[in-house]
Amino acid sequence: MRIDFSRRGKPTDNAFIETFNGTLRDECLNLHWFADIAQASALIEAWRRDYNESRPHMALGNLPPAEYATRTGTRYGITGLNAAHN
């Protein structure tokens, strides 16, 4: 078994995660100075919830994930969309 990782300096190896990482960095990490790990956890969790629950996603027809789940009949859990149906 061999595990392949993205090659250094080759962000196109996994463009989806590179896009997410850039968004997290631009919209959350670069905007805050964290006083301690508890504050960092709270701010990153608030950003994560907004990203996963409220904001529109192009892959979902520019709908927020919660609304997309309601319209398609998929279950929406705390970690995001699940493949299981109601």
N, C-alpha and C. Protein backbone atom coordinates (compact mmCIF):
# COMPACT_ATOMS: atom_id res chain seq x y z
N MET A 1 0.84 -1.17 0.00
CA MET A 1 0.00 0.00 0.00
C MET A 1 0.89 1.23 0.00
N ARG A 2 0.53 2.19 -0.82
CA ARG A 2 1.29 3.43 -0.91
C ARG A 2 0.34 4.61 -0.72
N ILE A 3 0.72 5.56 0.10
CA ILE A 3 -0.08 6.76 0.32
C ILE A 3 0.55 7.91 -0.45
N ASP A 4 -0.23 8.57 -1.28
CA ASP A 4 0.24 9.72 -2.04
C ASP A 4 -0.29 11.00 -1.42
N PHE A 5 0.56 11.96 -1.28
CA PHE A 5 0.17 13.27 -0.80
C PHE A 5 0.37 14.28 -1.93
N SER A 6 -0.23 15.43 -1.79
CA SER A 6 0.03 16.50 -2.75
C SER A 6 1.51 16.83 -2.73
N ARG A 7 2.05 17.07 -3.89
CA ARG A 7 3.46 17.40 -3.97
C ARG A 7 3.68 18.86 -3.58
N ARG A 8 4.77 19.13 -2.93
CA ARG A 8 5.12 20.50 -2.53
C ARG A 8 5.13 21.40 -3.76
N GLY A 9 4.45 22.53 -3.66
CA GLY A 9 4.41 23.48 -4.75
C GLY A 9 3.47 23.10 -5.88
N LYS A 10 2.63 22.09 -5.66
CA LYS A 10 1.69 21.62 -6.69
C LYS A 10 0.26 21.64 -6.15
N PRO A 11 -0.30 22.83 -5.92
CA PRO A 11 -1.65 22.91 -5.34
C PRO A 11 -2.72 22.32 -6.22
N THR A 12 -2.45 22.15 -7.51
CA THR A 12 -3.46 21.59 -8.39
C THR A 12 -3.64 20.09 -8.18
N ASP A 13 -2.77 19.45 -7.39
CA ASP A 13 -2.95 18.03 -7.08
C ASP A 13 -4.27 17.80 -6.36
N ASN A 14 -4.70 18.74 -5.56
CA ASN A 14 -5.98 18.64 -4.87
C ASN A 14 -6.58 20.04 -4.78
N ALA A 15 -7.13 20.50 -5.89
CA ALA A 15 -7.61 21.87 -5.98
C ALA A 15 -8.73 22.17 -4.99
N PHE A 16 -9.60 21.17 -4.69
CA PHE A 16 -10.71 21.41 -3.77
C PHE A 16 -10.19 21.80 -2.39
N ILE A 17 -9.26 21.04 -1.84
CA ILE A 17 -8.78 21.34 -0.48
C ILE A 17 -7.95 22.62 -0.49
N GLU A 18 -7.23 22.87 -1.58
CA GLU A 18 -6.45 24.11 -1.65
C GLU A 18 -7.38 25.33 -1.66
N THR A 19 -8.51 25.23 -2.34
CA THR A 19 -9.48 26.32 -2.35
C THR A 19 -10.05 26.53 -0.96
N PHE A 20 -10.42 25.42 -0.29
CA PHE A 20 -10.94 25.53 1.07
C PHE A 20 -9.90 26.15 2.00
N ASN A 21 -8.66 25.66 1.93
CA ASN A 21 -7.61 26.19 2.80
C ASN A 21 -7.42 27.69 2.58
N GLY A 22 -7.46 28.14 1.33
CA GLY A 22 -7.32 29.56 1.04
C GLY A 22 -8.47 30.37 1.60
N THR A 23 -9.68 29.82 1.49
CA THR A 23 -10.85 30.51 2.03
C THR A 23 -10.77 30.61 3.55
N LEU A 24 -10.41 29.52 4.21
CA LEU A 24 -10.26 29.54 5.67
C LEU A 24 -9.21 30.56 6.08
N ARG A 25 -8.10 30.55 5.39
CA ARG A 25 -7.02 31.49 5.73
C ARG A 25 -7.47 32.93 5.51
N ASP A 26 -8.08 33.23 4.35
CA ASP A 26 -8.47 34.61 4.02
C ASP A 26 -9.60 35.13 4.89
N GLU A 27 -10.59 34.28 5.18
CA GLU A 27 -11.79 34.74 5.87
C GLU A 27 -11.75 34.58 7.38
N CYS A 28 -10.81 33.82 7.89
CA CYS A 28 -10.79 33.58 9.34
C CYS A 28 -9.40 33.79 9.94
N LEU A 29 -8.45 32.99 9.51
CA LEU A 29 -7.14 33.01 10.18
C LEU A 29 -6.40 34.32 10.03
N ASN A 30 -6.48 34.95 8.86
CA ASN A 30 -5.76 36.22 8.65
C ASN A 30 -6.45 37.41 9.31
N LEU A 31 -7.68 37.23 9.76
CA LEU A 31 -8.43 38.35 10.34
C LEU A 31 -8.31 38.45 11.86
N HIS A 32 -7.82 37.41 12.49
CA HIS A 32 -7.84 37.36 13.96
C HIS A 32 -6.45 37.08 14.53
N TRP A 33 -6.20 37.70 15.67
CA TRP A 33 -5.07 37.33 16.51
C TRP A 33 -5.67 36.55 17.66
N PHE A 34 -5.28 35.33 17.82
CA PHE A 34 -5.85 34.48 18.86
C PHE A 34 -5.05 34.62 20.15
N ALA A 35 -5.75 34.93 21.24
CA ALA A 35 -5.10 35.09 22.53
C ALA A 35 -4.71 33.73 23.12
N ASP A 36 -5.52 32.73 22.85
CA ASP A 36 -5.25 31.38 23.38
C ASP A 36 -5.98 30.35 22.53
N ILE A 37 -5.76 29.10 22.82
CA ILE A 37 -6.34 28.02 22.02
C ILE A 37 -7.87 28.00 22.14
N ALA A 38 -8.39 28.38 23.29
CA ALA A 38 -9.85 28.39 23.47
C ALA A 38 -10.50 29.44 22.55
N GLN A 39 -9.89 30.61 22.46
CA GLN A 39 -10.42 31.65 21.58
C GLN A 39 -10.30 31.21 20.12
N ALA A 40 -9.18 30.62 19.76
CA ALA A 40 -8.99 30.13 18.39
C ALA A 40 -10.05 29.09 18.06
N SER A 41 -10.28 28.16 18.95
CA SER A 41 -11.29 27.12 18.72
C SER A 41 -12.68 27.71 18.54
N ALA A 42 -13.03 28.68 19.37
CA ALA A 42 -14.36 29.29 19.30
C ALA A 42 -14.55 30.05 17.98
N LEU A 43 -13.56 30.84 17.58
CA LEU A 43 -13.68 31.62 16.35
C LEU A 43 -13.68 30.74 15.11
N ILE A 44 -12.83 29.72 15.10
CA ILE A 44 -12.79 28.81 13.95
C ILE A 44 -14.07 28.00 13.86
N GLU A 45 -14.61 27.59 15.00
CA GLU A 45 -15.89 26.84 15.00
C GLU A 45 -17.03 27.72 14.49
N ALA A 46 -17.06 28.99 14.88
CA ALA A 46 -18.10 29.90 14.38
C ALA A 46 -17.97 30.07 12.87
N TRP A 47 -16.74 30.20 12.37
CA TRP A 47 -16.53 30.31 10.94
C TRP A 47 -16.96 29.03 10.23
N ARG A 48 -16.61 27.87 10.79
CA ARG A 48 -16.96 26.58 10.20
C ARG A 48 -18.47 26.41 10.10
N ARG A 49 -19.17 26.78 11.16
CA ARG A 49 -20.64 26.67 11.14
C ARG A 49 -21.23 27.56 10.05
N ASP A 50 -20.75 28.78 9.95
CA ASP A 50 -21.24 29.68 8.90
C ASP A 50 -20.94 29.10 7.52
N TYR A 51 -19.73 28.60 7.33
CA TYR A 51 -19.31 28.04 6.04
C TYR A 51 -20.16 26.83 5.67
N ASN A 52 -20.41 25.94 6.62
CA ASN A 52 -21.13 24.70 6.35
C ASN A 52 -22.65 24.82 6.37
N GLU A 53 -23.19 25.84 7.03
CA GLU A 53 -24.63 25.89 7.24
C GLU A 53 -25.32 27.07 6.57
N SER A 54 -24.66 28.19 6.48
CA SER A 54 -25.36 29.41 6.07
C SER A 54 -25.01 29.93 4.69
N ARG A 55 -23.80 29.86 4.32
CA ARG A 55 -23.39 30.52 3.08
C ARG A 55 -23.67 29.66 1.87
N PRO A 56 -24.01 30.27 0.74
CA PRO A 56 -24.28 29.53 -0.49
C PRO A 56 -23.00 28.86 -1.01
N HIS A 57 -23.18 27.69 -1.60
CA HIS A 57 -22.07 26.95 -2.21
C HIS A 57 -22.37 26.74 -3.69
N MET A 58 -21.42 27.04 -4.54
CA MET A 58 -21.62 26.88 -5.98
C MET A 58 -21.96 25.43 -6.32
N ALA A 59 -21.34 24.47 -5.65
CA ALA A 59 -21.58 23.06 -5.95
C ALA A 59 -23.01 22.63 -5.62
N LEU A 60 -23.71 23.43 -4.83
CA LEU A 60 -25.09 23.12 -4.44
C LEU A 60 -26.08 24.05 -5.12
N GLY A 61 -25.71 24.55 -6.26
CA GLY A 61 -26.60 25.45 -6.99
C GLY A 61 -26.76 26.79 -6.31
N ASN A 62 -25.71 27.26 -5.67
CA ASN A 62 -25.70 28.52 -4.92
C ASN A 62 -26.72 28.56 -3.79
N LEU A 63 -26.98 27.40 -3.21
CA LEU A 63 -27.84 27.32 -2.03
C LEU A 63 -26.99 27.05 -0.80
N PRO A 64 -27.42 27.54 0.36
CA PRO A 64 -26.76 27.12 1.59
C PRO A 64 -27.01 25.62 1.81
N PRO A 65 -26.07 24.90 2.41
CA PRO A 65 -26.24 23.45 2.60
C PRO A 65 -27.53 23.06 3.31
N ALA A 66 -27.94 23.80 4.33
CA ALA A 66 -29.18 23.45 5.04
C ALA A 66 -30.39 23.54 4.12
N GLU A 67 -30.44 24.59 3.30
CA GLU A 67 -31.56 24.74 2.37
C GLU A 67 -31.50 23.67 1.28
N TYR A 68 -30.30 23.37 0.80
CA TYR A 68 -30.14 22.32 -0.21
C TYR A 68 -30.64 20.98 0.34
N ALA A 69 -30.30 20.68 1.58
CA ALA A 69 -30.74 19.42 2.20
C ALA A 69 -32.26 19.37 2.30
N THR A 70 -32.88 20.47 2.66
CA THR A 70 -34.34 20.53 2.76
C THR A 70 -34.98 20.29 1.39
N ARG A 71 -34.45 20.94 0.38
CA ARG A 71 -35.02 20.82 -0.97
C ARG A 71 -34.84 19.43 -1.57
N THR A 72 -33.71 18.78 -1.27
CA THR A 72 -33.42 17.49 -1.89
C THR A 72 -33.84 16.31 -1.03
N GLY A 73 -34.24 16.57 0.20
CA GLY A 73 -34.67 15.50 1.08
C GLY A 73 -33.53 14.74 1.72
N THR A 74 -32.31 15.28 1.65
CA THR A 74 -31.19 14.64 2.33
C THR A 74 -31.15 15.11 3.78
N ARG A 75 -30.55 14.30 4.62
CA ARG A 75 -30.40 14.67 6.03
C ARG A 75 -29.22 15.59 6.17
N TYR A 76 -29.35 16.55 7.03
CA TYR A 76 -28.26 17.49 7.28
C TYR A 76 -27.86 17.37 8.73
N GLY A 77 -26.63 16.95 8.97
CA GLY A 77 -26.13 16.80 10.34
C GLY A 77 -25.16 17.90 10.69
N ILE A 78 -24.66 17.86 11.89
CA ILE A 78 -23.77 18.91 12.37
C ILE A 78 -22.47 18.96 11.57
N THR A 79 -22.05 17.84 11.00
CA THR A 79 -20.80 17.83 10.24
C THR A 79 -21.02 18.15 8.77
N GLY A 80 -22.26 18.28 8.34
CA GLY A 80 -22.52 18.62 6.95
C GLY A 80 -23.55 17.71 6.33
N LEU A 81 -23.59 17.71 5.03
CA LEU A 81 -24.57 16.89 4.32
C LEU A 81 -24.22 15.42 4.44
N ASN A 82 -25.22 14.61 4.66
CA ASN A 82 -25.06 13.16 4.69
C ASN A 82 -25.73 12.57 3.48
N ALA A 83 -25.23 11.44 3.04
CA ALA A 83 -25.82 10.78 1.88
C ALA A 83 -27.14 10.11 2.22
N ALA A 84 -27.37 9.83 3.49
CA ALA A 84 -28.59 9.12 3.89
C ALA A 84 -29.81 10.02 3.68
N HIS A 85 -30.90 9.41 3.29
CA HIS A 85 -32.15 10.15 3.11
C HIS A 85 -33.01 9.98 4.35
N ASN A 86 -33.95 10.93 4.53
CA ASN A 86 -34.88 10.86 5.66
C ASN A 86 -35.74 9.64 5.57
